Amino acid sequence: MQNDLDHIIQQYDIILFDAICVICNGWARFLIQHDPQAQFKLASAQSLLGEKILEYYGMSTTHYTTMIVIIDGQLFTESTALLKVLARLGLPFSLMKIGYLIPRPFRDFLYRRVALNRYTLFGKTDTCLIPSQENKHHFLEQIIREYSTTQ
């Protein structure tokens, strides 16, 4: 599994998100809508694959405090993860890279305030974001599953 995981992490740009968080699910829906080329592959932090990726990077598999973005195998978290994604979505979202002008400690402080209070502010969902025929190319597990069945 380790070699497969190394390959997956190097091959895909991945976004891990908290599947029970309302704001995180909204973010995933936003990405499906505004990333038509599916340059980012989504994976739930609670899924088996998500947990393996978290373990790979030495992160908690039970306490999710940040969105995780992996680009070319490099891990990004907190405000930098958000800015990396927005920068790659093209205009008008890439204009948000101006956020890099704000010192990272301050950006991350603001990010953490929302992240740590996301359930209180936005609630939890009891329905998972399920890949449909139209958006399944956005989901890492779906891509891997389809690849496995064709081999």
Protein backbone atom coordinates (compact mmCIF):
# COMPACT_ATOMS: atom_id res chain seq x y z
CA MET A 1 0.00 0.00 0.00
CA GLN A 2 2.89 2.41 0.76
CA ASN A 3 4.17 2.32 -2.84
CA ASP A 4 0.61 2.79 -4.13
CA LEU A 5 0.13 5.71 -1.76
CA ASP A 6 3.43 7.28 -2.83
CA HIS A 7 2.29 7.00 -6.45
CA ILE A 8 -1.16 8.48 -5.73
CA ILE A 9 0.28 11.41 -3.78
CA GLN A 10 2.74 12.21 -6.56
CA GLN A 11 0.24 11.72 -9.39
CA TYR A 12 -2.71 13.77 -8.10
CA ASP A 13 -3.22 17.16 -6.51
CA ILE A 14 -5.43 16.26 -3.55
CA ILE A 15 -7.73 18.11 -1.20
CA LEU A 16 -8.72 16.33 2.01
CA PHE A 17 -11.83 17.74 3.64
CA ASP A 18 -13.91 17.00 6.73
CA ALA A 19 -16.97 15.23 5.30
CA ILE A 20 -19.23 16.01 8.27
CA CYS A 21 -18.50 19.73 8.28
CA VAL A 22 -21.13 21.85 6.53
CA ILE A 23 -18.63 24.51 5.44
CA CYS A 24 -16.17 21.85 4.22
CA ASN A 25 -18.90 20.18 2.15
CA GLY A 26 -19.77 23.60 0.75
CA TRP A 27 -16.13 24.08 -0.16
CA ALA A 28 -16.09 20.71 -1.95
CA ARG A 29 -19.23 21.68 -3.91
CA PHE A 30 -17.60 25.02 -4.78
CA LEU A 31 -14.57 23.17 -6.12
CA ILE A 32 -16.70 20.82 -8.20
CA GLN A 33 -18.40 23.84 -9.73
CA HIS A 34 -15.30 26.03 -10.25
CA ASP A 35 -12.66 23.41 -11.09
CA PRO A 36 -14.17 21.98 -14.30
CA GLN A 37 -10.88 20.31 -15.30
CA ALA A 38 -10.83 18.56 -11.90
CA GLN A 39 -7.21 19.49 -11.37
CA PHE A 40 -7.82 18.85 -7.67
CA LYS A 41 -9.08 15.46 -6.51
CA LEU A 42 -11.27 15.44 -3.43
CA ALA A 43 -11.07 12.89 -0.63
CA SER A 44 -12.86 12.75 2.68
CA ALA A 45 -10.56 12.84 5.69
CA GLN A 46 -12.80 10.18 7.24
CA SER A 47 -12.40 7.72 4.35
CA LEU A 48 -9.87 4.89 4.45
CA LEU A 49 -7.80 6.61 1.77
CA GLY A 50 -8.05 9.93 3.60
CA GLU A 51 -6.84 8.31 6.80
CA LYS A 52 -3.92 6.67 4.97
CA ILE A 53 -2.91 10.04 3.53
CA LEU A 54 -3.14 11.68 6.96
CA GLU A 55 -0.97 8.89 8.44
CA TYR A 56 1.52 9.29 5.57
CA TYR A 57 2.05 12.92 6.60
CA GLY A 58 2.01 12.17 10.35
CA MET A 59 -1.29 13.95 10.98
CA SER A 60 -4.18 13.00 13.27
CA THR A 61 -6.77 10.68 11.78
CA THR A 62 -9.40 11.58 14.38
CA HIS A 63 -9.13 15.34 14.92
CA TYR A 64 -9.41 17.45 11.77
CA THR A 65 -8.43 21.07 12.24
CA THR A 66 -7.48 22.09 8.73
CA MET A 67 -8.12 21.47 5.10
CA ILE A 68 -5.18 19.63 3.61
CA VAL A 69 -3.94 20.29 0.10
CA ILE A 70 -1.26 18.18 -1.52
CA ILE A 71 0.34 19.54 -4.68
CA ASP A 72 3.14 17.55 -6.33
CA GLY A 73 3.46 15.56 -3.10
CA GLN A 74 3.94 18.69 -0.97
CA LEU A 75 1.54 19.21 1.93
CA PHE A 76 -0.11 22.58 2.56
CA THR A 77 -2.42 23.41 5.47
CA GLU A 78 -4.46 26.26 6.88
CA SER A 79 -4.51 29.58 5.00
CA THR A 80 -1.72 28.58 2.64
CA ALA A 81 -3.73 25.56 1.50
CA LEU A 82 -6.71 27.78 0.77
CA LEU A 83 -4.61 30.32 -1.13
CA LYS A 84 -2.84 27.60 -3.16
CA VAL A 85 -6.19 26.24 -4.34
CA LEU A 86 -7.69 29.64 -5.15
CA ALA A 87 -4.57 30.65 -7.09
CA ARG A 88 -4.94 27.60 -9.33
CA LEU A 89 -8.64 28.05 -10.05
CA GLY A 90 -8.04 30.99 -12.36
CA LEU A 91 -9.79 34.33 -12.46
CA PRO A 92 -11.47 35.76 -10.48
CA PHE A 93 -10.44 33.41 -7.66
CA SER A 94 -6.72 33.64 -8.36
CA LEU A 95 -6.89 37.32 -7.37
CA MET A 96 -7.16 36.06 -3.79
CA LYS A 97 -3.43 35.27 -3.88
CA ILE A 98 -3.09 38.84 -2.71
CA GLY A 99 -3.71 37.18 0.66
CA TYR A 100 -0.03 36.21 0.65
CA LEU A 101 0.68 39.85 1.50
CA ILE A 102 -0.84 39.21 4.93
CA PRO A 103 1.76 37.64 7.23
CA ARG A 104 1.20 33.90 7.53
CA PRO A 105 0.89 33.85 11.34
CA PHE A 106 -2.01 36.31 11.14
CA ARG A 107 -3.63 34.47 8.18
CA ASP A 108 -3.35 31.16 10.01
CA PHE A 109 -4.71 32.65 13.23
CA LEU A 110 -7.84 33.78 11.37
CA TYR A 111 -8.11 30.44 9.58
CA ARG A 112 -7.87 28.55 12.89
CA ARG A 113 -10.57 30.71 14.51
CA VAL A 114 -13.04 29.62 11.83
CA ALA A 115 -11.77 26.03 11.63
CA LEU A 116 -11.92 25.40 15.37
CA ASN A 117 -15.45 26.82 15.59
CA ARG A 118 -16.81 25.47 12.30
CA TYR A 119 -19.26 23.03 13.88
CA THR A 120 -20.64 25.71 16.19
CA LEU A 121 -20.83 28.33 13.43
CA PHE A 122 -22.04 26.16 10.56
CA GLY A 123 -23.08 22.83 12.08
CA LYS A 124 -22.51 19.25 11.03
CA THR A 125 -24.10 17.34 8.21
CA ASP A 126 -25.33 13.78 8.37
CA THR A 127 -25.27 13.38 4.60
CA CYS A 128 -22.06 12.77 2.70
CA LEU A 129 -21.17 14.46 -0.53
CA ILE A 130 -21.59 11.53 -2.90
CA PRO A 131 -19.98 11.41 -6.33
CA SER A 132 -22.53 11.59 -9.12
CA GLN A 133 -22.01 10.51 -12.70
CA GLU A 134 -21.33 14.17 -13.59
CA ASN A 135 -18.79 14.89 -10.86
CA LYS A 136 -17.11 11.56 -10.10
CA HIS A 137 -13.91 12.69 -11.85
CA HIS A 138 -13.45 15.12 -8.93
CA PHE A 139 -13.21 12.33 -6.33
CA LEU A 140 -9.90 10.56 -5.79
CA GLU A 141 -11.42 7.35 -4.43
CA GLN A 142 -13.75 7.04 -7.40
CA ILE A 143 -10.85 7.45 -9.85
CA ILE A 144 -8.76 4.85 -8.04
CA ARG A 145 -11.72 2.46 -7.83
CA GLU A 146 -12.39 2.74 -11.56
CA TYR A 147 -8.69 2.32 -12.36
CA SER A 148 -8.50 -0.79 -10.16
CA THR A 149 -11.45 -2.42 -11.89
CA THR A 150 -9.97 -1.87 -15.37
CA GLN A 151 -6.64 -3.48 -14.49
